[in-house]
Amino acid sequence: MYTFCPECGTVFQVRADHLNVAGGLVRCGECRHIFSAVDYLHEELAGAREALAGYGAVRDAVAADAGQDEVDSGRSSDDPDLVVARPLVRPVFASDWSGKPVSWRDVISGAGIGLLILLLGVQWVYFNRAALSADANWRPTMDRFCSILHCDLPLRTDLARIELLNRDVRKHPREKAALLINATLVNHAGFAQPYPVLTISFSTLTGTPLAVRHFKPAEYLGQGVDIESGMVPDTPVHVVLEIEDPGEDAVSYEFNFL
């Protein structure tokens, strides 16, 4: 069977042996109020919940029950015969029946907690701004975010929009066992992006790899180029490299960007 505390409205499940102790009086395990479980007894949980829907009328009836109040006041809170009822359901009542009014301290505490949660979210976005800004969907939001906080964002990257306009690999005219490489790169994206790592691989006639070289931007760009500003859109970048000749078996080569 089920009963509920008339003070805080917590629902409990009770057994017959509970009701036989101390004449059916129990102490609420939620608010410590002593009440008669028999007065609010229902055979089904649904019945107890329906009674709680009209809790105002029930509470008025309990307050008017002077005989029950006398029984409650005559019992000591330390009486060992009382059964401490364990909460089964904690319903949320209308604010009219709230035992504790909302104070300014509660409002300030809630606002402080909300501010701390907001600050935590801002910190997470700040420290993950590089990964978030790499996503095209997040980039506009991150641009606005950093315009407010005055933080730097890494340049967007779209290697598929970098085109190799021309390339030429030939014997070095002055150095023995060396090759001279000329190439032109163009960024066709609508934004400046980082200079890529330039990869040149050599292979045999059968496709067997012989040599691979990776060149960082500082290795293939001139000293007057501002690497940090990235590749300006639709502006050719000329590359000149001098590398060791991988040998006569290297009959094909390939350029890639990383």
Protein backbone atom coordinates (compact mmCIF):
# COMPACT_ATOMS: atom_id res chain seq x y z
CA MET A 1 0.00 0.00 0.00
CA TYR A 2 1.00 3.65 -0.36
CA THR A 3 0.79 6.75 1.80
CA PHE A 4 2.23 10.23 1.63
CA CYS A 5 3.59 12.81 4.01
CA PRO A 6 1.11 15.69 4.48
CA GLU A 7 3.99 18.08 5.17
CA CYS A 8 6.24 17.63 2.14
CA GLY A 9 4.11 15.38 -0.12
CA THR A 10 6.67 12.56 -0.41
CA VAL A 11 5.08 9.20 -1.32
CA PHE A 12 6.03 6.02 0.60
CA GLN A 13 5.34 2.34 0.18
CA VAL A 14 4.22 0.75 3.47
CA ARG A 15 3.45 -2.74 4.75
CA ALA A 16 0.95 -3.96 7.34
CA ASP A 17 3.67 -4.42 9.96
CA HIS A 18 4.59 -0.73 9.50
CA LEU A 19 1.05 0.30 10.29
CA ASN A 20 0.93 -1.86 13.45
CA VAL A 21 3.91 -0.03 14.96
CA ALA A 22 3.01 2.96 17.16
CA GLY A 23 -0.58 2.97 15.97
CA GLY A 24 0.33 3.70 12.37
CA LEU A 25 2.47 6.77 13.12
CA VAL A 26 5.61 7.12 11.02
CA ARG A 27 8.37 9.70 10.68
CA CYS A 28 8.97 11.00 7.15
CA GLY A 29 12.47 10.10 6.00
CA GLU A 30 12.51 13.24 3.84
CA CYS A 31 11.39 16.09 6.14
CA ARG A 32 11.26 14.20 9.52
CA HIS A 33 7.59 15.10 10.03
CA ILE A 34 5.58 12.62 12.14
CA PHE A 35 2.17 11.69 10.71
CA SER A 36 -0.42 8.92 10.62
CA ALA A 37 0.17 6.79 7.55
CA VAL A 38 -3.35 5.36 7.82
CA ASP A 39 -4.97 8.75 7.21
CA TYR A 40 -3.36 8.99 3.74
CA LEU A 41 -3.37 5.31 2.82
CA HIS A 42 -4.08 4.11 -0.75
CA GLU A 43 -3.97 0.62 -2.18
CA GLU A 44 -2.49 1.74 -5.51
CA LEU A 45 0.32 4.14 -6.33
CA ALA A 46 -1.96 5.80 -8.88
CA GLY A 47 -4.48 6.52 -6.13
CA ALA A 48 -1.82 8.17 -3.99
CA ARG A 49 -0.76 10.33 -6.90
CA GLU A 50 -4.36 11.36 -7.61
CA ALA A 51 -4.69 12.42 -3.98
CA LEU A 52 -1.56 14.49 -4.31
CA ALA A 53 -3.11 16.33 -7.27
CA GLY A 54 -5.59 17.82 -4.78
CA TYR A 55 -2.97 18.24 -2.10
CA GLY A 56 -4.25 21.65 -1.06
CA ALA A 57 -7.62 20.28 0.00
CA VAL A 58 -5.94 17.32 1.71
CA ARG A 59 -3.62 19.63 3.64
CA ASP A 60 -6.55 21.76 4.80
CA ALA A 61 -8.33 18.63 5.97
CA VAL A 62 -5.25 17.52 7.91
CA ALA A 63 -4.90 20.94 9.53
CA ALA A 64 -8.58 20.79 10.57
CA ASP A 65 -8.15 17.36 12.08
CA ALA A 66 -7.45 18.50 15.64
CA GLY A 67 -7.50 14.98 16.99
CA GLN A 68 -4.69 13.90 14.67
CA ASP A 69 -2.67 17.03 15.57
CA GLU A 70 -2.92 16.09 19.24
CA VAL A 71 -1.58 12.62 18.52
CA ASP A 72 1.31 14.04 16.50
CA SER A 73 2.23 16.62 19.16
CA GLY A 74 2.09 14.00 21.90
CA ARG A 75 4.79 11.90 20.28
CA SER A 76 8.45 12.73 20.91
CA SER A 77 10.64 13.02 17.83
CA ASP A 78 13.00 10.55 19.50
CA ASP A 79 10.34 7.91 20.14
CA PRO A 80 11.97 4.53 19.24
CA ASP A 81 8.59 2.99 18.34
CA LEU A 82 8.16 5.21 15.29
CA VAL A 83 8.87 3.83 11.83
CA VAL A 84 11.09 6.05 9.62
CA ALA A 85 9.37 5.95 6.20
CA ARG A 86 11.71 5.76 3.17
CA PRO A 87 10.87 8.03 0.19
CA LEU A 88 9.36 6.34 -2.85
CA VAL A 89 8.28 9.33 -4.96
CA ARG A 90 9.16 13.00 -4.49
CA PRO A 91 6.50 14.96 -6.42
CA VAL A 92 6.93 18.59 -7.40
CA PHE A 93 4.09 20.73 -6.09
CA ALA A 94 3.01 24.19 -7.12
CA SER A 95 4.99 27.02 -5.58
CA ASP A 96 1.96 27.90 -3.40
CA TRP A 97 2.73 24.87 -1.24
CA SER A 98 6.49 25.30 -1.12
CA GLY A 99 7.76 25.28 2.43
CA LYS A 100 10.76 27.46 1.59
CA PRO A 101 10.36 30.74 -0.32
CA VAL A 102 12.96 31.74 -2.89
CA SER A 103 15.39 34.21 -1.35
CA TRP A 104 17.86 36.66 -2.86
CA ARG A 105 20.61 34.28 -1.76
CA ASP A 106 19.03 31.54 -3.89
CA VAL A 107 18.83 33.89 -6.88
CA ILE A 108 22.43 35.02 -6.48
CA SER A 109 23.63 31.44 -6.03
CA GLY A 110 21.78 30.31 -9.15
CA ALA A 111 23.16 33.22 -11.15
CA GLY A 112 26.67 32.45 -9.90
CA ILE A 113 26.38 28.80 -10.92
CA GLY A 114 25.08 29.80 -14.35
CA LEU A 115 27.97 32.25 -14.76
CA LEU A 116 30.50 29.57 -13.85
CA ILE A 117 28.98 27.14 -16.38
CA LEU A 118 29.11 29.86 -19.04
CA LEU A 119 32.73 30.63 -18.19
CA LEU A 120 33.61 26.93 -18.45
CA GLY A 121 32.01 26.76 -21.90
CA VAL A 122 33.91 29.85 -23.07
CA GLN A 123 37.19 28.36 -21.85
CA TRP A 124 36.50 25.09 -23.68
CA VAL A 125 35.80 26.93 -26.93
CA TYR A 126 38.92 29.09 -26.48
CA PHE A 127 41.28 26.17 -25.97
CA ASN A 128 39.69 24.19 -28.83
CA ARG A 129 39.44 27.13 -31.23
CA ALA A 130 42.01 25.67 -33.65
CA ALA A 131 40.04 22.45 -34.16
CA LEU A 132 36.69 24.25 -34.31
CA SER A 133 37.88 26.86 -36.80
CA ALA A 134 39.05 24.10 -39.17
CA ASP A 135 35.37 23.19 -39.67
CA ALA A 136 33.80 25.39 -42.36
CA ASN A 137 30.47 25.40 -40.47
CA TRP A 138 32.11 26.65 -37.26
CA ARG A 139 34.51 29.13 -38.88
CA PRO A 140 32.13 32.17 -39.00
CA THR A 141 31.19 31.64 -35.37
CA MET A 142 34.83 31.33 -34.34
CA ASP A 143 35.69 34.49 -36.27
CA ARG A 144 33.09 36.41 -34.26
CA PHE A 145 34.21 34.71 -31.04
CA CYS A 146 37.83 35.77 -31.48
CA SER A 147 36.87 39.27 -32.62
CA ILE A 148 35.30 39.72 -29.17
CA LEU A 149 38.06 38.04 -27.13
CA HIS A 150 40.89 39.33 -29.39
CA CYS A 151 42.31 35.84 -29.89
CA ASP A 152 44.09 34.47 -32.95
CA LEU A 153 42.73 31.76 -35.20
CA PRO A 154 44.85 29.52 -37.41
CA LEU A 155 44.40 29.96 -41.13
CA ARG A 156 41.82 27.77 -42.83
CA THR A 157 43.22 24.89 -44.89
CA ASP A 158 41.88 23.46 -48.13
CA LEU A 159 44.68 21.61 -49.93
CA ALA A 160 42.32 20.63 -52.75
CA ARG A 161 42.18 24.31 -53.76
CA ILE A 162 45.96 24.58 -54.25
CA GLU A 163 46.94 23.98 -57.87
CA LEU A 164 50.35 23.16 -59.32
CA LEU A 165 50.36 25.27 -62.48
CA ASN A 166 53.65 24.07 -63.88
CA ARG A 167 56.61 21.98 -62.81
CA ASP A 168 59.98 21.26 -64.26
CA VAL A 169 62.67 18.85 -63.03
CA ARG A 170 66.01 18.81 -64.86
CA LYS A 171 69.72 18.27 -64.36
CA HIS A 172 71.35 21.11 -62.48
CA PRO A 173 73.27 23.30 -64.94
CA ARG A 174 76.17 23.90 -62.55
CA GLU A 175 76.14 21.20 -59.86
CA LYS A 176 76.95 17.54 -60.55
CA ALA A 177 74.65 14.81 -59.22
CA ALA A 178 72.00 17.41 -58.53
CA LEU A 179 68.57 18.36 -59.88
CA LEU A 180 67.00 21.79 -60.36
CA ILE A 181 63.25 21.96 -59.73
CA ASN A 182 60.96 24.81 -60.74
CA ALA A 183 57.24 24.89 -59.89
CA THR A 184 54.40 27.39 -59.53
CA LEU A 185 51.65 27.09 -56.91
CA VAL A 186 48.34 28.96 -56.82
CA ASN A 187 45.75 29.12 -54.04
CA HIS A 188 42.28 29.09 -55.64
CA ALA A 189 40.41 29.20 -52.32
CA GLY A 190 38.58 32.39 -51.48
CA PHE A 191 40.72 32.85 -48.37
CA ALA A 192 44.38 32.84 -47.39
CA GLN A 193 45.57 29.43 -46.28
CA PRO A 194 48.86 28.09 -44.89
CA TYR A 195 51.65 27.25 -47.29
CA PRO A 196 51.64 23.45 -47.64
CA VAL A 197 54.46 21.00 -47.11
CA LEU A 198 55.67 20.20 -50.63
CA THR A 199 56.41 16.52 -51.29
CA ILE A 200 58.41 15.26 -54.29
CA SER A 201 58.71 11.53 -54.87
CA PHE A 202 60.77 9.67 -57.49
CA SER A 203 60.11 6.17 -58.78
CA THR A 204 61.41 3.68 -61.34
CA LEU A 205 59.83 2.75 -64.67
CA THR A 206 57.87 0.00 -62.89
CA GLY A 207 56.60 2.39 -60.21
CA THR A 208 58.97 1.30 -57.45
CA PRO A 209 59.64 4.26 -55.10
CA LEU A 210 63.26 5.40 -54.99
CA ALA A 211 63.29 8.63 -53.02
CA VAL A 212 60.91 11.01 -51.28
CA ARG A 213 61.62 14.52 -50.03
CA HIS A 214 59.41 16.77 -47.90
CA PHE A 215 60.00 20.52 -48.04
CA LYS A 216 58.60 22.89 -45.43
CA PRO A 217 57.53 26.38 -46.56
CA ALA A 218 60.70 27.93 -45.13
CA GLU A 219 62.75 25.60 -47.35
CA TYR A 220 61.12 26.41 -50.68
CA LEU A 221 60.11 30.07 -50.20
CA GLY A 222 62.31 33.13 -50.47
CA GLN A 223 63.42 35.06 -47.40
CA GLY A 224 61.15 37.98 -48.20
CA VAL A 225 57.93 35.93 -48.04
CA ASP A 226 55.71 36.33 -44.96
CA ILE A 227 54.96 32.69 -44.22
CA GLU A 228 52.65 33.43 -41.28
CA SER A 229 50.24 35.40 -43.50
CA GLY A 230 49.69 32.34 -45.71
CA MET A 231 49.03 31.98 -49.42
CA VAL A 232 47.11 34.92 -50.84
CA PRO A 233 44.23 33.76 -53.10
CA ASP A 234 44.91 33.65 -56.85
CA THR A 235 48.52 34.81 -56.52
CA PRO A 236 51.19 32.56 -58.13
CA VAL A 237 54.02 31.40 -55.88
CA HIS A 238 57.23 30.45 -57.67
CA VAL A 239 59.32 27.63 -56.15
CA VAL A 240 62.95 26.82 -56.95
CA LEU A 241 64.64 23.80 -55.35
CA GLU A 242 68.05 22.18 -55.68
CA ILE A 243 68.14 18.52 -54.62
CA GLU A 244 70.42 15.53 -54.90
CA ASP A 245 69.90 13.42 -58.00
CA PRO A 246 68.30 10.09 -56.99
CA GLY A 247 70.00 8.35 -59.92
CA GLU A 248 69.38 7.16 -63.47
CA ASP A 249 66.67 4.73 -62.38
CA ALA A 250 64.44 7.63 -61.30
CA VAL A 251 62.45 8.12 -64.48
CA SER A 252 59.24 9.61 -63.01
CA TYR A 253 58.37 12.05 -60.28
CA GLU A 254 55.25 13.29 -58.48
CA PHE A 255 54.35 16.42 -56.49
CA ASN A 256 51.95 16.34 -53.53
CA PHE A 257 50.84 18.72 -50.79
CA LEU A 258 50.59 17.93 -47.08
